[in-house]
C-alpha atoms as a PDB file:
ATOM      1  CA  MET A   1      41.671  38.521  -7.048  1.00  0.00           C
ATOM      2  CA  THR A   2      45.085  36.938  -7.115  1.00  0.00           C
ATOM      3  CA  ILE A   3      45.889  33.635  -8.731  1.00  0.00           C
ATOM      4  CA  ARG A   4      46.514  32.104  -5.313  1.00  0.00           C
ATOM      5  CA  THR A   5      43.002  33.044  -4.115  1.00  0.00           C
ATOM      6  CA  LYS A   6      41.415  31.722  -7.310  1.00  0.00           C
ATOM      7  CA  LEU A   7      43.321  28.450  -6.977  1.00  0.00           C
ATOM      8  CA  THR A   8      42.321  28.085  -3.327  1.00  0.00           C
ATOM      9  CA  LEU A   9      38.648  28.712  -4.112  1.00  0.00           C
ATOM     10  CA  SER A  10      38.757  26.293  -7.062  1.00  0.00           C
ATOM     11  CA  VAL A  11      40.340  23.524  -5.007  1.00  0.00           C
ATOM     12  CA  THR A  12      37.863  24.116  -2.158  1.00  0.00           C
ATOM     13  CA  ALA A  13      34.892  24.034  -4.554  1.00  0.00           C
ATOM     14  CA  LEU A  14      36.227  20.876  -6.210  1.00  0.00           C
ATOM     15  CA  PHE A  15      36.711  19.260  -2.815  1.00  0.00           C
ATOM     16  CA  ALA A  16      33.143  20.187  -1.758  1.00  0.00           C
ATOM     17  CA  VAL A  17      31.656  18.806  -4.992  1.00  0.00           C
ATOM     18  CA  ALA A  18      33.630  15.570  -4.628  1.00  0.00           C
ATOM     19  CA  LEU A  19      32.512  15.100  -1.014  1.00  0.00           C
ATOM     20  CA  SER A  20      28.895  15.878  -1.924  1.00  0.00           C
ATOM     21  CA  THR A  21      28.964  13.376  -4.767  1.00  0.00           C
ATOM     22  CA  LEU A  22      30.465  10.710  -2.539  1.00  0.00           C
ATOM     23  CA  GLY A  23      27.830  11.430   0.105  1.00  0.00           C
ATOM     24  CA  VAL A  24      24.957  11.111  -2.366  1.00  0.00           C
ATOM     25  CA  ILE A  25      26.375   7.862  -3.762  1.00  0.00           C
ATOM     26  CA  PHE A  26      26.868   6.480  -0.261  1.00  0.00           C
ATOM     27  CA  ILE A  27      23.313   7.385   0.768  1.00  0.00           C
ATOM     28  CA  GLY A  28      21.925   5.711  -2.370  1.00  0.00           C
ATOM     29  CA  LEU A  29      23.900   2.541  -1.691  1.00  0.00           C
ATOM     30  CA  GLU A  30      22.811   2.577   1.952  1.00  0.00           C
ATOM     31  CA  ARG A  31      19.137   2.945   0.948  1.00  0.00           C
ATOM     32  CA  SER A  32      19.304   0.047  -1.510  1.00  0.00           C
ATOM     33  CA  GLN A  33      21.016  -2.155   1.078  1.00  0.00           C
ATOM     34  CA  LEU A  34      18.425  -1.305   3.746  1.00  0.00           C
ATOM     35  CA  GLU A  35      15.564  -2.022   1.320  1.00  0.00           C
ATOM     36  CA  LEU A  36      17.165  -5.369   0.509  1.00  0.00           C
ATOM     37  CA  GLN A  37      17.354  -6.160   4.234  1.00  0.00           C
ATOM     38  CA  ALA A  38      13.684  -5.194   4.664  1.00  0.00           C
ATOM     39  CA  ARG A  39      12.651  -7.568   1.859  1.00  0.00           C
ATOM     40  CA  GLU A  40      14.739 -10.327   3.452  1.00  0.00           C
ATOM     41  CA  GLU A  41      13.095  -9.717   6.839  1.00  0.00           C
ATOM     42  CA  ALA A  42       9.648  -9.964   5.207  1.00  0.00           C
ATOM     43  CA  ARG A  43      10.687 -13.264   3.600  1.00  0.00           C
ATOM     44  CA  ILE A  44      11.888 -14.544   6.979  1.00  0.00           C
ATOM     45  CA  ILE A  45       8.530 -13.645   8.549  1.00  0.00           C
ATOM     46  CA  VAL A  46       6.632 -15.602   5.893  1.00  0.00           C
ATOM     47  CA  SER A  47       8.883 -18.657   6.133  1.00  0.00           C
ATOM     48  CA  THR A  48       8.686 -18.613   9.943  1.00  0.00           C
ATOM     49  CA  VAL A  49       4.882 -18.563   9.895  1.00  0.00           C
ATOM     50  CA  ASP A  50       4.932 -21.369   7.302  1.00  0.00           C
ATOM     51  CA  ARG A  51       7.184 -23.501   9.501  1.00  0.00           C
ATOM     52  CA  ALA A  52       5.012 -22.818  12.556  1.00  0.00           C
ATOM     53  CA  ALA A  53       1.924 -23.933  10.597  1.00  0.00           C
ATOM     54  CA  LYS A  54       3.635 -27.196   9.611  1.00  0.00           C
ATOM     55  CA  ASP A  55       4.610 -27.850  13.243  1.00  0.00           C
ATOM     56  CA  ALA A  56       1.079 -27.119  14.436  1.00  0.00           C
ATOM     57  CA  LEU A  57      -0.399 -29.476  11.859  1.00  0.00           C
ATOM     58  CA  VAL A  58       2.000 -32.289  12.737  1.00  0.00           C
ATOM     59  CA  GLN A  59       1.325 -31.855  16.461  1.00  0.00           C
ATOM     60  CA  ARG A  60      -2.426 -31.348  15.832  1.00  0.00           C
ATOM     61  CA  ASP A  61      -2.339 -28.232  18.007  1.00  0.00           C
ATOM     62  CA  ASP A  62      -4.269 -25.267  16.580  1.00  0.00           C
ATOM     63  CA  LEU A  63      -3.520 -23.114  19.596  1.00  0.00           C
ATOM     64  CA  LEU A  64       0.232 -23.533  19.070  1.00  0.00           C
ATOM     65  CA  LEU A  65       0.061 -21.746  15.719  1.00  0.00           C
ATOM     66  CA  LEU A  66      -2.158 -18.935  17.003  1.00  0.00           C
ATOM     67  CA  SER A  67       0.027 -18.216  20.030  1.00  0.00           C
ATOM     68  CA  TYR A  68       3.196 -18.370  17.923  1.00  0.00           C
ATOM     69  CA  ILE A  69       1.775 -15.858  15.431  1.00  0.00           C
ATOM     70  CA  LYS A  70       0.980 -13.495  18.325  1.00  0.00           C
ATOM     71  CA  PHE A  71       4.557 -13.917  19.535  1.00  0.00           C
ATOM     72  CA  LEU A  72       5.896 -13.199  16.034  1.00  0.00           C
ATOM     73  CA  GLN A  73       3.870  -9.993  15.859  1.00  0.00           C
ATOM     74  CA  GLN A  74       5.679  -8.763  18.964  1.00  0.00           C
ATOM     75  CA  GLU A  75       9.074  -9.737  17.551  1.00  0.00           C
ATOM     76  CA  PHE A  76       8.405  -8.450  14.005  1.00  0.00           C
ATOM     77  CA  PRO A  77       6.283  -5.272  14.008  1.00  0.00           C
ATOM     78  CA  GLY A  78       6.159  -5.493  10.208  1.00  0.00           C
ATOM     79  CA  LEU A  79       3.729  -8.420  10.491  1.00  0.00           C
ATOM     80  CA  ALA A  80       0.423  -6.532  10.257  1.00  0.00           C
ATOM     81  CA  PHE A  81      -2.064  -9.389  10.550  1.00  0.00           C
ATOM     82  CA  VAL A  82      -2.575 -13.014   9.649  1.00  0.00           C
ATOM     83  CA  ASP A  83      -5.801 -14.696   8.597  1.00  0.00           C
ATOM     84  CA  VAL A  84      -5.686 -18.362   9.612  1.00  0.00           C
ATOM     85  CA  SER A  85      -8.207 -20.817   8.168  1.00  0.00           C
ATOM     86  CA  TRP A  86      -8.148 -24.406   9.453  1.00  0.00           C
ATOM     87  CA  GLN A  87      -9.898 -26.933   7.237  1.00  0.00           C
ATOM     88  CA  ASP A  88     -10.677 -30.431   8.406  1.00  0.00           C
ATOM     89  CA  ALA A  89     -12.778 -32.990   6.632  1.00  0.00           C
ATOM     90  CA  GLU A  90     -15.891 -31.887   8.499  1.00  0.00           C
ATOM     91  CA  ARG A  91     -15.396 -28.202   9.443  1.00  0.00           C
ATOM     92  CA  THR A  92     -13.592 -24.927   8.816  1.00  0.00           C
ATOM     93  CA  ARG A  93     -12.403 -22.467  11.465  1.00  0.00           C
ATOM     94  CA  THR A  94     -11.112 -18.970  10.723  1.00  0.00           C
ATOM     95  CA  HIS A  95      -9.110 -16.619  12.940  1.00  0.00           C
ATOM     96  CA  HIS A  96      -7.899 -13.056  12.347  1.00  0.00           C
ATOM     97  CA  ILE A  97      -4.769 -12.260  14.350  1.00  0.00           C
ATOM     98  CA  GLY A  98      -3.320  -8.752  14.501  1.00  0.00           C
ATOM     99  CA  ARG A  99      -4.457  -5.247  13.648  1.00  0.00           C
ATOM    100  CA  PRO A 100      -7.948  -4.676  12.332  1.00  0.00           C
ATOM    101  CA  ARG A 101      -8.122  -5.087   8.561  1.00  0.00           C
ATOM    102  CA  GLU A 102      -9.450  -1.530   8.097  1.00  0.00           C
ATOM    103  CA  GLU A 103      -6.487  -0.021   9.962  1.00  0.00           C
ATOM    104  CA  ALA A 104      -3.980  -1.673   7.623  1.00  0.00           C
ATOM    105  CA  ALA A 105      -5.886  -1.122   4.366  1.00  0.00           C
ATOM    106  CA  GLY A 106      -3.706  -0.113   1.433  1.00  0.00           C
ATOM    107  CA  GLN A 107      -0.482  -0.495   3.395  1.00  0.00           C
ATOM    108  CA  THR A 108       0.017  -4.233   3.355  1.00  0.00           C
ATOM    109  CA  ARG A 109       1.268  -6.858   0.970  1.00  0.00           C
ATOM    110  CA  GLU A 110      -0.514 -10.195   1.309  1.00  0.00           C
ATOM    111  CA  GLN A 111       0.939 -13.621   0.733  1.00  0.00           C
ATOM    112  CA  VAL A 112      -1.314 -16.659   0.874  1.00  0.00           C
ATOM    113  CA  ILE A 113       0.180 -19.992   1.898  1.00  0.00           C
ATOM    114  CA  ARG A 114      -1.573 -23.361   1.999  1.00  0.00           C
ATOM    115  CA  VAL A 115       0.027 -25.926   4.279  1.00  0.00           C
ATOM    116  CA  LYS A 116      -1.126 -29.567   4.249  1.00  0.00           C
ATOM    117  CA  ASP A 117      -0.725 -31.996   7.095  1.00  0.00           C
ATOM    118  CA  PRO A 118       1.831 -34.600   5.959  1.00  0.00           C
ATOM    119  CA  SER A 119       0.036 -37.395   7.826  1.00  0.00           C
ATOM    120  CA  ASP A 120      -3.561 -36.422   6.919  1.00  0.00           C
ATOM    121  CA  SER A 121      -4.214 -34.806   3.536  1.00  0.00           C
ATOM    122  CA  GLY A 122      -7.695 -33.736   4.695  1.00  0.00           C
ATOM    123  CA  ARG A 123      -6.240 -31.257   7.190  1.00  0.00           C
ATOM    124  CA  VAL A 124      -5.121 -27.989   5.625  1.00  0.00           C
ATOM    125  CA  VAL A 125      -4.343 -24.576   7.036  1.00  0.00           C
ATOM    126  CA  THR A 126      -4.476 -21.518   4.787  1.00  0.00           C
ATOM    127  CA  LEU A 127      -2.531 -18.471   5.963  1.00  0.00           C
ATOM    128  CA  GLY A 128      -3.095 -14.973   4.624  1.00  0.00           C
ATOM    129  CA  ILE A 129       0.080 -13.230   5.820  1.00  0.00           C
ATOM    130  CA  ASN A 130      -0.038  -9.445   5.552  1.00  0.00           C
ATOM    131  CA  ILE A 131       3.262  -7.574   5.719  1.00  0.00           C
ATOM    132  CA  ASP A 132       3.127  -3.849   6.545  1.00  0.00           C
ATOM    133  CA  ASP A 133       5.144  -2.157   3.784  1.00  0.00           C
ATOM    134  CA  ARG A 134       4.727   1.245   5.424  1.00  0.00           C
ATOM    135  CA  TYR A 135       6.546   0.017   8.561  1.00  0.00           C
ATOM    136  CA  PHE A 136       9.557  -1.098   6.512  1.00  0.00           C
ATOM    137  CA  ALA A 137       9.569   2.104   4.401  1.00  0.00           C
ATOM    138  CA  GLN A 138       9.489   4.289   7.518  1.00  0.00           C
ATOM    139  CA  ARG A 139      12.305   2.313   9.088  1.00  0.00           C
ATOM    140  CA  VAL A 140      14.453   2.646   5.939  1.00  0.00           C
ATOM    141  CA  ASP A 141      13.730   6.389   5.720  1.00  0.00           C
ATOM    142  CA  ARG A 142      14.618   6.874   9.386  1.00  0.00           C
ATOM    143  CA  GLN A 143      17.947   5.049   9.005  1.00  0.00           C
ATOM    144  CA  VAL A 144      18.831   6.852   5.752  1.00  0.00           C
ATOM    145  CA  SER A 145      18.099  10.251   7.314  1.00  0.00           C
ATOM    146  CA  ARG A 146      20.349   9.327  10.259  1.00  0.00           C
ATOM    147  CA  VAL A 147      23.165   8.416   7.840  1.00  0.00           C
ATOM    148  CA  ALA A 148      22.651  11.667   5.895  1.00  0.00           C
ATOM    149  CA  ARG A 149      22.759  13.678   9.125  1.00  0.00           C
ATOM    150  CA  ASP A 150      25.960  11.914  10.204  1.00  0.00           C
ATOM    151  CA  LEU A 151      27.572  12.570   6.791  1.00  0.00           C
ATOM    152  CA  MET A 152      26.685  16.238   7.010  1.00  0.00           C
ATOM    153  CA  ARG A 153      28.306  16.424  10.449  1.00  0.00           C
ATOM    154  CA  LEU A 154      31.373  14.616   9.107  1.00  0.00           C
ATOM    155  CA  PHE A 155      31.731  17.003   6.165  1.00  0.00           C
ATOM    156  CA  GLY A 156      31.269  19.986   8.485  1.00  0.00           C
ATOM    157  CA  ILE A 157      28.096  21.368   6.935  1.00  0.00           C
END
């Protein structure tokens, strides 16, 4: 093999290693950014349900909260289910909105929020908000695999 051939192969191999390294670093950064966005979306879901509960308490409209949670489940598929427990001075009412609890077992992360009525401290709504972690993980994996496929096309592999 001539020196020219060896140099060409060395430069080509170096170029391939550099592109591969850049691709792996880019995919790692993309994954961490997408996971950060998923956590932020989960936080937005929880704060939105919290705000809706406060509005429903102020307006004394239980149905408003229930219908808004159903709407949120259509807008945010990562919202698995919500357990709503209304507590008045004389009674307690409980509603389960969303997928059956057995279907989402082991895949959800629950956050419990207690919201008090600002005008009547005896009225409280407790929300058990269950976020589907599997939905967010699948979405991140799908987007990362798309980016990896596009990088492979770009690098000509």
